[in-house]
C-alpha atoms as a PDB file:
ATOM      1  CA  MET A   1     303.929  51.195 131.454  1.00  0.00           C
ATOM      2  CA  ALA A   2     306.309  53.856 132.763  1.00  0.00           C
ATOM      3  CA  ASN A   3     307.382  54.402 136.412  1.00  0.00           C
ATOM      4  CA  PRO A   4     307.830  57.760 137.773  1.00  0.00           C
ATOM      5  CA  LYS A   5     311.316  58.965 137.351  1.00  0.00           C
ATOM      6  CA  LEU A   6     313.309  62.108 138.241  1.00  0.00           C
ATOM      7  CA  ASN A   7     314.026  64.455 135.257  1.00  0.00           C
ATOM      8  CA  PRO A   8     317.205  66.492 135.097  1.00  0.00           C
ATOM      9  CA  ASN A   9     315.285  69.454 136.877  1.00  0.00           C
ATOM     10  CA  ARG A  10     314.486  66.837 139.870  1.00  0.00           C
ATOM     11  CA  GLU A  11     310.707  66.997 139.194  1.00  0.00           C
ATOM     12  CA  LEU A  12     308.693  63.682 139.090  1.00  0.00           C
ATOM     13  CA  ILE A  13     307.324  63.120 135.550  1.00  0.00           C
ATOM     14  CA  VAL A  14     306.188  60.038 133.611  1.00  0.00           C
ATOM     15  CA  GLY A  15     305.659  59.263 130.011  1.00  0.00           C
ATOM     16  CA  PRO A  16     307.054  60.689 126.804  1.00  0.00           C
ATOM     17  CA  GLU A  17     307.193  64.359 126.008  1.00  0.00           C
ATOM     18  CA  GLN A  18     303.897  64.175 124.156  1.00  0.00           C
ATOM     19  CA  PRO A  19     301.044  61.586 124.646  1.00  0.00           C
ATOM     20  CA  GLU A  20     301.196  58.589 122.565  1.00  0.00           C
ATOM     21  CA  ALA A  21     298.448  56.098 121.778  1.00  0.00           C
ATOM     22  CA  PRO A  22     296.063  55.229 123.345  1.00  0.00           C
ATOM     23  CA  TYR A  23     296.237  58.667 124.869  1.00  0.00           C
ATOM     24  CA  PRO A  24     294.559  61.130 124.999  1.00  0.00           C
ATOM     25  CA  LEU A  25     291.399  59.408 125.769  1.00  0.00           C
ATOM     26  CA  GLN A  26     288.128  61.438 126.263  1.00  0.00           C
ATOM     27  CA  LEU A  27     285.588  60.243 128.676  1.00  0.00           C
ATOM     28  CA  THR A  28     282.142  61.535 129.726  1.00  0.00           C
ATOM     29  CA  GLY A  29     280.124  60.404 132.747  1.00  0.00           C
ATOM     30  CA  THR A  30     278.405  61.503 135.781  1.00  0.00           C
ATOM     31  CA  VAL A  31     279.797  61.862 139.337  1.00  0.00           C
ATOM     32  CA  VAL A  32     278.214  59.312 141.633  1.00  0.00           C
ATOM     33  CA  LYS A  33     278.483  58.414 145.402  1.00  0.00           C
ATOM     34  CA  GLY A  34     281.537  56.268 146.028  1.00  0.00           C
ATOM     35  CA  PHE A  35     282.689  54.411 149.075  1.00  0.00           C
ATOM     36  CA  GLY A  36     282.763  57.490 151.449  1.00  0.00           C
ATOM     37  CA  ARG A  37     286.479  57.125 152.233  1.00  0.00           C
ATOM     38  CA  GLY A  38     288.171  59.744 149.861  1.00  0.00           C
ATOM     39  CA  SER A  39     287.547  62.849 151.874  1.00  0.00           C
ATOM     40  CA  LYS A  40     286.756  61.267 155.202  1.00  0.00           C
ATOM     41  CA  GLU A  41     289.410  58.539 155.648  1.00  0.00           C
ATOM     42  CA  LEU A  42     292.106  59.581 153.050  1.00  0.00           C
ATOM     43  CA  GLY A  43     291.798  63.532 153.275  1.00  0.00           C
ATOM     44  CA  ILE A  44     291.802  63.397 149.325  1.00  0.00           C
ATOM     45  CA  PRO A  45     288.328  63.859 147.919  1.00  0.00           C
ATOM     46  CA  THR A  46     287.513  61.917 144.632  1.00  0.00           C
ATOM     47  CA  ALA A  47     284.678  62.103 142.106  1.00  0.00           C
ATOM     48  CA  ASN A  48     283.666  58.570 141.392  1.00  0.00           C
ATOM     49  CA  LEU A  49     282.631  58.056 137.836  1.00  0.00           C
ATOM     50  CA  SER A  50     279.281  56.485 136.794  1.00  0.00           C
ATOM     51  CA  ASN A  51     279.138  52.881 135.348  1.00  0.00           C
ATOM     52  CA  ASP A  52     278.879  53.924 131.764  1.00  0.00           C
ATOM     53  CA  ALA A  53     282.209  55.802 131.984  1.00  0.00           C
ATOM     54  CA  LEU A  54     283.634  53.129 134.002  1.00  0.00           C
ATOM     55  CA  ASP A  55     282.677  50.506 131.243  1.00  0.00           C
ATOM     56  CA  THR A  56     284.521  52.658 128.619  1.00  0.00           C
ATOM     57  CA  LEU A  57     287.609  52.845 130.770  1.00  0.00           C
ATOM     58  CA  CYS A  58     287.782  49.234 131.580  1.00  0.00           C
ATOM     59  CA  SER A  59     287.597  48.159 127.969  1.00  0.00           C
ATOM     60  CA  ALA A  60     290.394  50.532 127.143  1.00  0.00           C
ATOM     61  CA  PHE A  61     292.892  50.494 130.041  1.00  0.00           C
ATOM     62  CA  ASP A  62     294.698  48.301 132.579  1.00  0.00           C
ATOM     63  CA  THR A  63     294.155  49.125 136.296  1.00  0.00           C
ATOM     64  CA  GLY A  64     296.265  51.651 137.745  1.00  0.00           C
ATOM     65  CA  VAL A  65     296.703  55.453 138.187  1.00  0.00           C
ATOM     66  CA  TYR A  66     296.332  57.992 135.367  1.00  0.00           C
ATOM     67  CA  TYR A  67     296.579  61.636 134.924  1.00  0.00           C
ATOM     68  CA  GLY A  68     295.104  64.334 132.689  1.00  0.00           C
ATOM     69  CA  TRP A  69     292.476  67.021 132.743  1.00  0.00           C
ATOM     70  CA  THR A  70     288.814  67.318 133.770  1.00  0.00           C
ATOM     71  CA  SER A  71     285.841  69.777 133.607  1.00  0.00           C
ATOM     72  CA  ILE A  72     282.591  69.526 135.532  1.00  0.00           C
ATOM     73  CA  GLY A  73     279.004  70.515 135.345  1.00  0.00           C
ATOM     74  CA  THR A  74     278.015  73.365 132.999  1.00  0.00           C
ATOM     75  CA  ASP A  75     281.089  75.512 133.789  1.00  0.00           C
ATOM     76  CA  LYS A  76     283.234  74.262 131.024  1.00  0.00           C
ATOM     77  CA  SER A  77     285.363  77.310 131.062  1.00  0.00           C
ATOM     78  CA  THR A  78     287.307  76.013 134.068  1.00  0.00           C
ATOM     79  CA  VAL A  79     289.586  72.917 133.357  1.00  0.00           C
ATOM     80  CA  TYR A  80     291.283  71.238 136.412  1.00  0.00           C
ATOM     81  CA  PRO A  81     294.318  68.846 136.552  1.00  0.00           C
ATOM     82  CA  MET A  82     293.366  65.402 137.759  1.00  0.00           C
ATOM     83  CA  VAL A  83     294.804  62.090 138.804  1.00  0.00           C
ATOM     84  CA  MET A  84     292.613  58.936 138.591  1.00  0.00           C
ATOM     85  CA  SER A  85     292.641  55.514 140.098  1.00  0.00           C
ATOM     86  CA  LEU A  86     291.106  52.714 138.027  1.00  0.00           C
ATOM     87  CA  GLY A  87     290.620  49.350 139.555  1.00  0.00           C
ATOM     88  CA  TRP A  88     290.021  47.279 142.550  1.00  0.00           C
ATOM     89  CA  ASN A  89     291.789  49.290 145.122  1.00  0.00           C
ATOM     90  CA  PRO A  90     293.444  46.208 146.737  1.00  0.00           C
ATOM     91  CA  TYR A  91     293.978  48.082 150.091  1.00  0.00           C
ATOM     92  CA  TYR A  92     290.183  48.307 150.562  1.00  0.00           C
ATOM     93  CA  LYS A  93     289.481  44.933 148.841  1.00  0.00           C
ATOM     94  CA  ASN A  94     286.797  46.379 146.637  1.00  0.00           C
ATOM     95  CA  GLU A  95     284.343  43.965 145.214  1.00  0.00           C
ATOM     96  CA  LYS A  96     283.707  45.870 142.021  1.00  0.00           C
ATOM     97  CA  ARG A  97     286.122  47.974 139.914  1.00  0.00           C
ATOM     98  CA  SER A  98     285.850  51.782 140.207  1.00  0.00           C
ATOM     99  CA  ALA A  99     287.194  54.882 138.708  1.00  0.00           C
ATOM    100  CA  GLU A 100     287.880  57.596 141.115  1.00  0.00           C
ATOM    101  CA  VAL A 101     288.911  61.006 139.881  1.00  0.00           C
ATOM    102  CA  HIS A 102     290.789  63.203 142.301  1.00  0.00           C
ATOM    103  CA  ILE A 103     290.398  66.796 140.918  1.00  0.00           C
ATOM    104  CA  MET A 104     293.378  68.887 141.902  1.00  0.00           C
ATOM    105  CA  HIS A 105     291.164  71.752 143.303  1.00  0.00           C
ATOM    106  CA  GLN A 106     289.476  72.541 146.536  1.00  0.00           C
ATOM    107  CA  PHE A 107     285.680  72.498 146.169  1.00  0.00           C
ATOM    108  CA  ASP A 108     283.384  73.916 148.895  1.00  0.00           C
ATOM    109  CA  GLU A 109     280.770  71.313 148.423  1.00  0.00           C
ATOM    110  CA  ASP A 110     280.045  67.728 146.797  1.00  0.00           C
ATOM    111  CA  PHE A 111     278.709  67.698 143.168  1.00  0.00           C
ATOM    112  CA  TYR A 112     277.146  64.319 142.876  1.00  0.00           C
ATOM    113  CA  GLY A 113     274.953  63.889 139.874  1.00  0.00           C
ATOM    114  CA  THR A 114     277.034  66.336 137.933  1.00  0.00           C
ATOM    115  CA  SER A 115     278.386  65.653 134.446  1.00  0.00           C
ATOM    116  CA  ILE A 116     282.020  65.249 134.245  1.00  0.00           C
ATOM    117  CA  LYS A 117     284.506  65.220 131.259  1.00  0.00           C
ATOM    118  CA  VAL A 118     287.976  63.745 131.490  1.00  0.00           C
ATOM    119  CA  ILE A 119     290.855  63.703 129.169  1.00  0.00           C
ATOM    120  CA  ILE A 120     293.282  60.986 130.272  1.00  0.00           C
ATOM    121  CA  THR A 121     296.723  61.879 128.985  1.00  0.00           C
ATOM    122  CA  GLY A 122     299.129  59.460 130.666  1.00  0.00           C
ATOM    123  CA  TYR A 123     299.729  56.562 133.010  1.00  0.00           C
ATOM    124  CA  VAL A 124     301.594  56.773 136.385  1.00  0.00           C
ATOM    125  CA  ARG A 125     301.758  53.286 137.803  1.00  0.00           C
ATOM    126  CA  ALA A 126     299.879  49.917 138.427  1.00  0.00           C
ATOM    127  CA  GLU A 127     297.567  49.646 141.359  1.00  0.00           C
ATOM    128  CA  GLN A 128     298.994  47.888 144.387  1.00  0.00           C
ATOM    129  CA  ASN A 129     298.162  46.787 147.985  1.00  0.00           C
ATOM    130  CA  TYR A 130     299.557  48.682 150.992  1.00  0.00           C
ATOM    131  CA  PRO A 131     300.812  47.652 154.493  1.00  0.00           C
ATOM    132  CA  SER A 132     299.167  50.572 156.081  1.00  0.00           C
ATOM    133  CA  LEU A 133     296.772  53.532 155.507  1.00  0.00           C
ATOM    134  CA  ASP A 134     299.808  56.006 155.803  1.00  0.00           C
ATOM    135  CA  ALA A 135     301.687  54.192 153.057  1.00  0.00           C
ATOM    136  CA  LEU A 136     298.554  54.468 150.722  1.00  0.00           C
ATOM    137  CA  ILE A 137     298.190  58.296 151.459  1.00  0.00           C
ATOM    138  CA  GLU A 138     301.964  58.767 150.810  1.00  0.00           C
ATOM    139  CA  ASP A 139     301.678  57.096 147.387  1.00  0.00           C
ATOM    140  CA  ILE A 140     298.527  59.028 146.480  1.00  0.00           C
ATOM    141  CA  ASN A 141     300.156  62.272 147.397  1.00  0.00           C
ATOM    142  CA  THR A 142     303.208  61.177 144.932  1.00  0.00           C
ATOM    143  CA  ASP A 143     300.744  60.425 142.344  1.00  0.00           C
ATOM    144  CA  ILE A 144     299.258  63.898 142.637  1.00  0.00           C
ATOM    145  CA  GLU A 145     302.719  65.436 142.398  1.00  0.00           C
ATOM    146  CA  VAL A 146     303.571  63.280 139.370  1.00  0.00           C
ATOM    147  CA  ALA A 147     300.416  64.284 137.683  1.00  0.00           C
ATOM    148  CA  ARG A 148     301.044  67.979 138.430  1.00  0.00           C
ATOM    149  CA  GLN A 149     304.625  67.871 137.073  1.00  0.00           C
ATOM    150  CA  SER A 150     303.848  65.633 133.992  1.00  0.00           C
ATOM    151  CA  LEU A 151     300.970  67.935 132.949  1.00  0.00           C
ATOM    152  CA  LYS A 152     303.358  70.918 132.818  1.00  0.00           C
ATOM    153  CA  ARG A 153     304.984  69.659 129.600  1.00  0.00           C
ATOM    154  CA  PRO A 154     303.703  71.673 126.618  1.00  0.00           C
ATOM    155  CA  ALA A 155     302.059  68.810 124.734  1.00  0.00           C
ATOM    156  CA  TYR A 156     300.052  67.867 127.897  1.00  0.00           C
ATOM    157  CA  ASP A 157     299.270  71.455 128.919  1.00  0.00           C
ATOM    158  CA  ALA A 158     297.823  72.219 125.605  1.00  0.00           C
ATOM    159  CA  LEU A 159     295.175  69.424 126.105  1.00  0.00           C
ATOM    160  CA  LYS A 160     293.464  71.425 128.899  1.00  0.00           C
ATOM    161  CA  SER A 161     292.264  73.690 126.020  1.00  0.00           C
ATOM    162  CA  ASP A 162     290.802  70.847 124.062  1.00  0.00           C
ATOM    163  CA  PRO A 163     287.389  71.860 122.835  1.00  0.00           C
ATOM    164  CA  PHE A 164     285.850  68.344 124.273  1.00  0.00           C
ATOM    165  CA  LEU A 165     286.322  69.702 127.928  1.00  0.00           C
ATOM    166  CA  GLN A 166     284.605  72.951 126.963  1.00  0.00           C
ATOM    167  CA  GLN A 167     281.602  71.646 125.120  1.00  0.00           C
END
């Protein structure tokens, strides 16, 4: 598993120049109510995935932070970059595993019960515990920037046009 590194242009990126197995992974689910801390406590809203989507992920991936593309609801013409946490979130001591997708777009309202499609294209890092909420938020913001920069590479950018996201 790769750790974020600085490329020669001083941008944070992870992974090879094009996705390698097991990526990209396609995932479909429903947005469900989570723990109520993404928007409120962290200031970073997340779309929690339903158990059926979570079961697929847990059998395919280690816990950690991933990046890729997502589309929601019936508007499949808009595809958004995303960063996703998969795991136990040790800082919060979750009793069950969760998949929390942060869609890198500002939405005006919640969309619980809406269908969501995700293409996971790469891995950022393992999940970890934090000494403070500020340290957790700092790493989440780094994860977002890593995802943003990593998805700019041509092979990753091309996946936002994958027909799966627009069906």
